[in-house]
Amino acid sequence: MASNPDSYEIRTEPRGPHWVGWVVRPGSDQPDRSIILVAKTQKEAEARARGWISSIYNSQFTIHKEE
């Protein structure tokens, strides 16, 4: 598991009439968790990948306060 969201790399490439984006962990060329994000533009694919990184990072490291 990457230790923080900055340790992921975002990759994109055109596929037919759209773009796909994915994130990889350091030292890997494979999409993390086999997730591919489809978008109309490269910019949108990169934004979706950044959003995915934020969502997995935030959901795994939620801090719970004791009451």
N, C-alpha and C. Protein backbone atom coordinates (compact mmCIF):
# COMPACT_ATOMS: atom_id res chain seq x y z
N MET A 1 0.85 -1.18 0.00
CA MET A 1 0.00 0.00 0.00
C MET A 1 0.89 1.23 0.00
N ALA A 2 0.57 2.17 -0.84
CA ALA A 2 1.32 3.42 -0.86
C ALA A 2 1.05 4.17 0.43
N SER A 3 2.07 4.88 0.92
CA SER A 3 1.94 5.52 2.22
C SER A 3 1.19 6.83 2.19
N ASN A 4 1.09 7.46 1.04
CA ASN A 4 0.31 8.70 0.94
C ASN A 4 -0.12 8.90 -0.50
N PRO A 5 -1.08 9.80 -0.72
CA PRO A 5 -1.59 9.97 -2.08
C PRO A 5 -0.54 10.48 -3.07
N ASP A 6 0.50 11.14 -2.61
CA ASP A 6 1.53 11.65 -3.51
C ASP A 6 2.44 10.55 -4.04
N SER A 7 2.38 9.36 -3.45
CA SER A 7 3.26 8.29 -3.91
C SER A 7 2.68 7.50 -5.09
N TYR A 8 1.46 7.82 -5.51
CA TYR A 8 0.89 7.20 -6.70
C TYR A 8 1.29 8.00 -7.94
N GLU A 9 1.35 7.33 -9.08
CA GLU A 9 1.56 8.00 -10.36
C GLU A 9 0.30 7.85 -11.18
N ILE A 10 -0.04 8.90 -11.92
CA ILE A 10 -1.21 8.88 -12.79
C ILE A 10 -0.74 8.63 -14.21
N ARG A 11 -1.40 7.70 -14.88
CA ARG A 11 -1.11 7.40 -16.28
C ARG A 11 -2.38 7.61 -17.09
N THR A 12 -2.24 8.05 -18.34
CA THR A 12 -3.37 8.19 -19.25
C THR A 12 -2.95 7.79 -20.65
N GLU A 13 -3.94 7.42 -21.46
CA GLU A 13 -3.68 7.17 -22.88
C GLU A 13 -5.00 7.23 -23.64
N PRO A 14 -4.94 7.60 -24.92
CA PRO A 14 -6.17 7.61 -25.72
C PRO A 14 -6.56 6.18 -26.08
N ARG A 15 -7.85 5.92 -26.07
CA ARG A 15 -8.39 4.62 -26.49
C ARG A 15 -9.64 4.90 -27.31
N GLY A 16 -9.52 4.74 -28.60
CA GLY A 16 -10.66 5.03 -29.48
C GLY A 16 -11.03 6.50 -29.36
N PRO A 17 -12.32 6.79 -29.20
CA PRO A 17 -12.77 8.19 -29.13
C PRO A 17 -12.66 8.81 -27.74
N HIS A 18 -12.07 8.09 -26.78
CA HIS A 18 -12.01 8.61 -25.42
C HIS A 18 -10.61 8.42 -24.83
N TRP A 19 -10.44 8.85 -23.61
CA TRP A 19 -9.19 8.69 -22.87
C TRP A 19 -9.44 7.79 -21.67
N VAL A 20 -8.43 7.04 -21.27
CA VAL A 20 -8.51 6.26 -20.04
C VAL A 20 -7.40 6.73 -19.11
N GLY A 21 -7.67 6.67 -17.83
CA GLY A 21 -6.69 7.02 -16.82
C GLY A 21 -6.64 5.93 -15.77
N TRP A 22 -5.50 5.81 -15.13
CA TRP A 22 -5.35 4.85 -14.04
C TRP A 22 -4.20 5.30 -13.16
N VAL A 23 -4.11 4.72 -12.00
CA VAL A 23 -3.01 5.04 -11.09
C VAL A 23 -2.16 3.80 -10.88
N VAL A 24 -0.88 4.02 -10.68
CA VAL A 24 0.05 2.92 -10.41
C VAL A 24 0.82 3.23 -9.14
N ARG A 25 1.21 2.19 -8.47
CA ARG A 25 2.07 2.33 -7.30
C ARG A 25 3.52 2.41 -7.77
N PRO A 26 4.39 2.96 -6.95
CA PRO A 26 5.80 3.04 -7.32
C PRO A 26 6.35 1.66 -7.69
N GLY A 27 7.08 1.61 -8.81
CA GLY A 27 7.69 0.36 -9.25
C GLY A 27 6.78 -0.55 -10.04
N SER A 28 5.55 -0.12 -10.32
CA SER A 28 4.61 -0.95 -11.06
C SER A 28 4.13 -0.22 -12.30
N ASP A 29 3.80 -0.99 -13.33
CA ASP A 29 3.17 -0.41 -14.53
C ASP A 29 1.71 -0.82 -14.64
N GLN A 30 1.25 -1.64 -13.72
CA GLN A 30 -0.12 -2.13 -13.76
C GLN A 30 -1.07 -1.20 -12.99
N PRO A 31 -2.30 -1.05 -13.49
CA PRO A 31 -3.28 -0.23 -12.75
C PRO A 31 -3.51 -0.78 -11.34
N ASP A 32 -3.46 0.10 -10.35
CA ASP A 32 -3.72 -0.31 -8.97
C ASP A 32 -5.14 -0.82 -8.87
N ARG A 33 -5.31 -2.00 -8.30
CA ARG A 33 -6.61 -2.65 -8.13
C ARG A 33 -7.35 -2.87 -9.44
N SER A 34 -6.62 -2.85 -10.56
CA SER A 34 -7.19 -3.08 -11.90
C SER A 34 -8.26 -2.06 -12.29
N ILE A 35 -8.19 -0.86 -11.73
CA ILE A 35 -9.19 0.17 -12.00
C ILE A 35 -8.74 1.03 -13.19
N ILE A 36 -9.62 1.13 -14.20
CA ILE A 36 -9.41 2.01 -15.35
C ILE A 36 -10.58 2.99 -15.37
N LEU A 37 -10.25 4.28 -15.50
CA LEU A 37 -11.26 5.33 -15.49
C LEU A 37 -11.40 5.92 -16.89
N VAL A 38 -12.61 5.93 -17.44
CA VAL A 38 -12.86 6.38 -18.80
C VAL A 38 -13.35 7.83 -18.77
N ALA A 39 -12.85 8.63 -19.73
CA ALA A 39 -13.24 10.04 -19.80
C ALA A 39 -13.21 10.53 -21.25
N LYS A 40 -13.78 11.71 -21.47
CA LYS A 40 -13.80 12.28 -22.82
C LYS A 40 -12.46 12.90 -23.22
N THR A 41 -11.74 13.45 -22.23
CA THR A 41 -10.48 14.13 -22.53
C THR A 41 -9.38 13.62 -21.60
N GLN A 42 -8.14 13.91 -21.96
CA GLN A 42 -7.01 13.53 -21.11
C GLN A 42 -7.10 14.26 -19.76
N LYS A 43 -7.45 15.52 -19.80
CA LYS A 43 -7.55 16.31 -18.57
C LYS A 43 -8.60 15.71 -17.63
N GLU A 44 -9.72 15.29 -18.18
CA GLU A 44 -10.78 14.69 -17.37
C GLU A 44 -10.32 13.33 -16.81
N ALA A 45 -9.60 12.56 -17.61
CA ALA A 45 -9.10 11.26 -17.14
C ALA A 45 -8.12 11.45 -15.98
N GLU A 46 -7.25 12.46 -16.09
CA GLU A 46 -6.31 12.75 -15.00
C GLU A 46 -7.06 13.20 -13.75
N ALA A 47 -8.08 14.03 -13.91
CA ALA A 47 -8.87 14.50 -12.76
C ALA A 47 -9.58 13.34 -12.08
N ARG A 48 -10.12 12.43 -12.86
CA ARG A 48 -10.80 11.26 -12.28
C ARG A 48 -9.81 10.39 -11.51
N ALA A 49 -8.61 10.24 -12.04
CA ALA A 49 -7.59 9.44 -11.35
C ALA A 49 -7.20 10.10 -10.03
N ARG A 50 -7.02 11.43 -10.04
CA ARG A 50 -6.71 12.14 -8.79
C ARG A 50 -7.85 11.98 -7.78
N GLY A 51 -9.08 12.05 -8.24
CA GLY A 51 -10.23 11.85 -7.36
C GLY A 51 -10.27 10.45 -6.78
N TRP A 52 -9.92 9.47 -7.59
CA TRP A 52 -9.91 8.08 -7.12
C TRP A 52 -8.84 7.91 -6.04
N ILE A 53 -7.67 8.50 -6.27
CA ILE A 53 -6.61 8.42 -5.25
C ILE A 53 -7.10 9.03 -3.94
N SER A 54 -7.72 10.19 -4.02
CA SER A 54 -8.22 10.85 -2.80
C SER A 54 -9.26 9.99 -2.10
N SER A 55 -10.15 9.38 -2.86
CA SER A 55 -11.21 8.59 -2.23
C SER A 55 -10.67 7.35 -1.54
N ILE A 56 -9.70 6.66 -2.16
CA ILE A 56 -9.18 5.45 -1.50
C ILE A 56 -8.30 5.82 -0.32
N TYR A 57 -7.55 6.89 -0.46
CA TYR A 57 -6.68 7.30 0.65
C TYR A 57 -7.51 7.74 1.84
N ASN A 58 -8.52 8.55 1.61
CA ASN A 58 -9.35 9.06 2.71
C ASN A 58 -10.18 7.96 3.36
N SER A 59 -10.65 7.00 2.58
CA SER A 59 -11.48 5.95 3.17
C SER A 59 -10.65 4.97 4.00
N GLN A 60 -9.37 4.80 3.68
CA GLN A 60 -8.54 3.85 4.41
C GLN A 60 -7.91 4.45 5.65
N PHE A 61 -7.84 5.75 5.72
CA PHE A 61 -7.15 6.39 6.82
C PHE A 61 -8.04 7.35 7.60
N THR A 62 -9.30 6.98 7.74
CA THR A 62 -10.24 7.80 8.47
C THR A 62 -9.89 7.73 9.95
N ILE A 63 -9.83 8.88 10.59
CA ILE A 63 -9.54 8.94 12.01
C ILE A 63 -10.86 9.01 12.77
N HIS A 64 -11.04 8.12 13.71
CA HIS A 64 -12.25 8.07 14.50
C HIS A 64 -11.99 8.68 15.87
N LYS A 65 -12.84 9.61 16.26
CA LYS A 65 -12.70 10.22 17.58
C LYS A 65 -13.45 9.40 18.60
N GLU A 66 -12.85 9.28 19.76
CA GLU A 66 -13.55 8.62 20.85
C GLU A 66 -14.42 9.63 21.56
N GLU A 67 -15.59 9.18 21.97
CA GLU A 67 -16.51 10.11 22.64
C GLU A 67 -16.53 9.86 24.13
